[in-house]
Amino acid sequence: MNITVNAKPHDISATTLDAALHELGLTSPALATALNGSFVSRAKRVDTPLTEGDRIEVLAPMQGG
């Protein structure tokens, strides 16, 4: 299935948001996710299905100075 993650195309076999994040190596518990512009909580990722063409945004906290 073709999806877009942070504006980059990816071809994945996963069918849920949680599985897609694992397939792409995005496994930090501190990630925030949005699917097609709507926030998805960590608890709901496992039950959130993906479809062809979905857009996922993944944000991680950054430390800076």
C-alpha atoms as a PDB file:
ATOM      1  CA  MET A   1       0.000   0.000   0.000  1.00  0.00           C
ATOM      2  CA  ASN A   2       1.284   3.474  -0.839  1.00  0.00           C
ATOM      3  CA  ILE A   3       1.108   6.086   1.912  1.00  0.00           C
ATOM      4  CA  THR A   4       2.854   9.364   2.671  1.00  0.00           C
ATOM      5  CA  VAL A   5       4.763   9.821   5.922  1.00  0.00           C
ATOM      6  CA  ASN A   6       6.005  13.311   6.737  1.00  0.00           C
ATOM      7  CA  ALA A   7       5.662  14.298   3.057  1.00  0.00           C
ATOM      8  CA  LYS A   8       7.675  11.293   1.796  1.00  0.00           C
ATOM      9  CA  PRO A   9       6.084   8.386  -0.102  1.00  0.00           C
ATOM     10  CA  HIS A  10       6.391   4.872   1.328  1.00  0.00           C
ATOM     11  CA  ASP A  11       5.224   1.473   0.127  1.00  0.00           C
ATOM     12  CA  ILE A  12       4.267  -0.646   3.145  1.00  0.00           C
ATOM     13  CA  SER A  13       2.502  -3.913   3.881  1.00  0.00           C
ATOM     14  CA  ALA A  14       1.027  -2.800   7.233  1.00  0.00           C
ATOM     15  CA  THR A  15      -2.728  -2.244   7.468  1.00  0.00           C
ATOM     16  CA  THR A  16      -2.924  -0.309  10.764  1.00  0.00           C
ATOM     17  CA  LEU A  17      -1.220   2.859  11.934  1.00  0.00           C
ATOM     18  CA  ASP A  18       0.601   1.038  14.747  1.00  0.00           C
ATOM     19  CA  ALA A  19       1.921  -1.653  12.399  1.00  0.00           C
ATOM     20  CA  ALA A  20       3.024   0.972   9.861  1.00  0.00           C
ATOM     21  CA  LEU A  21       5.005   2.861  12.492  1.00  0.00           C
ATOM     22  CA  HIS A  22       6.751  -0.365  13.509  1.00  0.00           C
ATOM     23  CA  GLU A  23       7.428  -1.302   9.880  1.00  0.00           C
ATOM     24  CA  LEU A  24       9.013   2.112   9.322  1.00  0.00           C
ATOM     25  CA  GLY A  25      11.099   1.863  12.508  1.00  0.00           C
ATOM     26  CA  LEU A  26       9.208   4.633  14.303  1.00  0.00           C
ATOM     27  CA  THR A  27       8.826   2.978  17.687  1.00  0.00           C
ATOM     28  CA  SER A  28       9.516   5.676  20.280  1.00  0.00           C
ATOM     29  CA  PRO A  29       6.706   5.941  22.854  1.00  0.00           C
ATOM     30  CA  ALA A  30       7.046   9.735  22.726  1.00  0.00           C
ATOM     31  CA  LEU A  31       5.743  10.096  19.155  1.00  0.00           C
ATOM     32  CA  ALA A  32       2.666  12.110  18.261  1.00  0.00           C
ATOM     33  CA  THR A  33       0.754  10.977  15.174  1.00  0.00           C
ATOM     34  CA  ALA A  34      -1.858  12.373  12.823  1.00  0.00           C
ATOM     35  CA  LEU A  35      -3.672  10.530  10.062  1.00  0.00           C
ATOM     36  CA  ASN A  36      -4.984  12.678   7.223  1.00  0.00           C
ATOM     37  CA  GLY A  37      -4.770  15.731   9.460  1.00  0.00           C
ATOM     38  CA  SER A  38      -6.491  14.251  12.524  1.00  0.00           C
ATOM     39  CA  PHE A  39      -4.615  13.461  15.743  1.00  0.00           C
ATOM     40  CA  VAL A  40      -4.490   9.762  16.667  1.00  0.00           C
ATOM     41  CA  SER A  41      -3.622   8.894  20.271  1.00  0.00           C
ATOM     42  CA  ARG A  42      -1.118   6.151  21.046  1.00  0.00           C
ATOM     43  CA  ALA A  43      -3.914   3.968  22.464  1.00  0.00           C
ATOM     44  CA  LYS A  44      -5.931   4.131  19.226  1.00  0.00           C
ATOM     45  CA  ARG A  45      -3.087   3.475  16.762  1.00  0.00           C
ATOM     46  CA  VAL A  46      -3.471  -0.313  16.956  1.00  0.00           C
ATOM     47  CA  ASP A  47      -7.144  -0.041  15.897  1.00  0.00           C
ATOM     48  CA  THR A  48      -6.668   2.680  13.270  1.00  0.00           C
ATOM     49  CA  PRO A  49      -6.835   1.161   9.771  1.00  0.00           C
ATOM     50  CA  LEU A  50      -4.857   2.559   6.859  1.00  0.00           C
ATOM     51  CA  THR A  51      -5.999   2.845   3.263  1.00  0.00           C
ATOM     52  CA  GLU A  52      -4.193   3.541   0.022  1.00  0.00           C
ATOM     53  CA  GLY A  53      -3.031   7.154  -0.199  1.00  0.00           C
ATOM     54  CA  ASP A  54      -3.285   7.986   3.518  1.00  0.00           C
ATOM     55  CA  ARG A  55      -1.114  10.802   4.864  1.00  0.00           C
ATOM     56  CA  ILE A  56       0.619  10.271   8.201  1.00  0.00           C
ATOM     57  CA  GLU A  57       2.449  12.939  10.162  1.00  0.00           C
ATOM     58  CA  VAL A  58       4.810  11.822  12.909  1.00  0.00           C
ATOM     59  CA  LEU A  59       6.279  14.281  15.405  1.00  0.00           C
ATOM     60  CA  ALA A  60       8.881  13.569  18.077  1.00  0.00           C
ATOM     61  CA  PRO A  61       9.955  15.870  20.902  1.00  0.00           C
ATOM     62  CA  MET A  62      13.374  17.459  20.440  1.00  0.00           C
ATOM     63  CA  GLN A  63      15.747  18.875  22.992  1.00  0.00           C
ATOM     64  CA  GLY A  64      17.548  22.024  22.174  1.00  0.00           C
ATOM     65  CA  GLY A  65      19.330  24.888  23.662  1.00  0.00           C
END
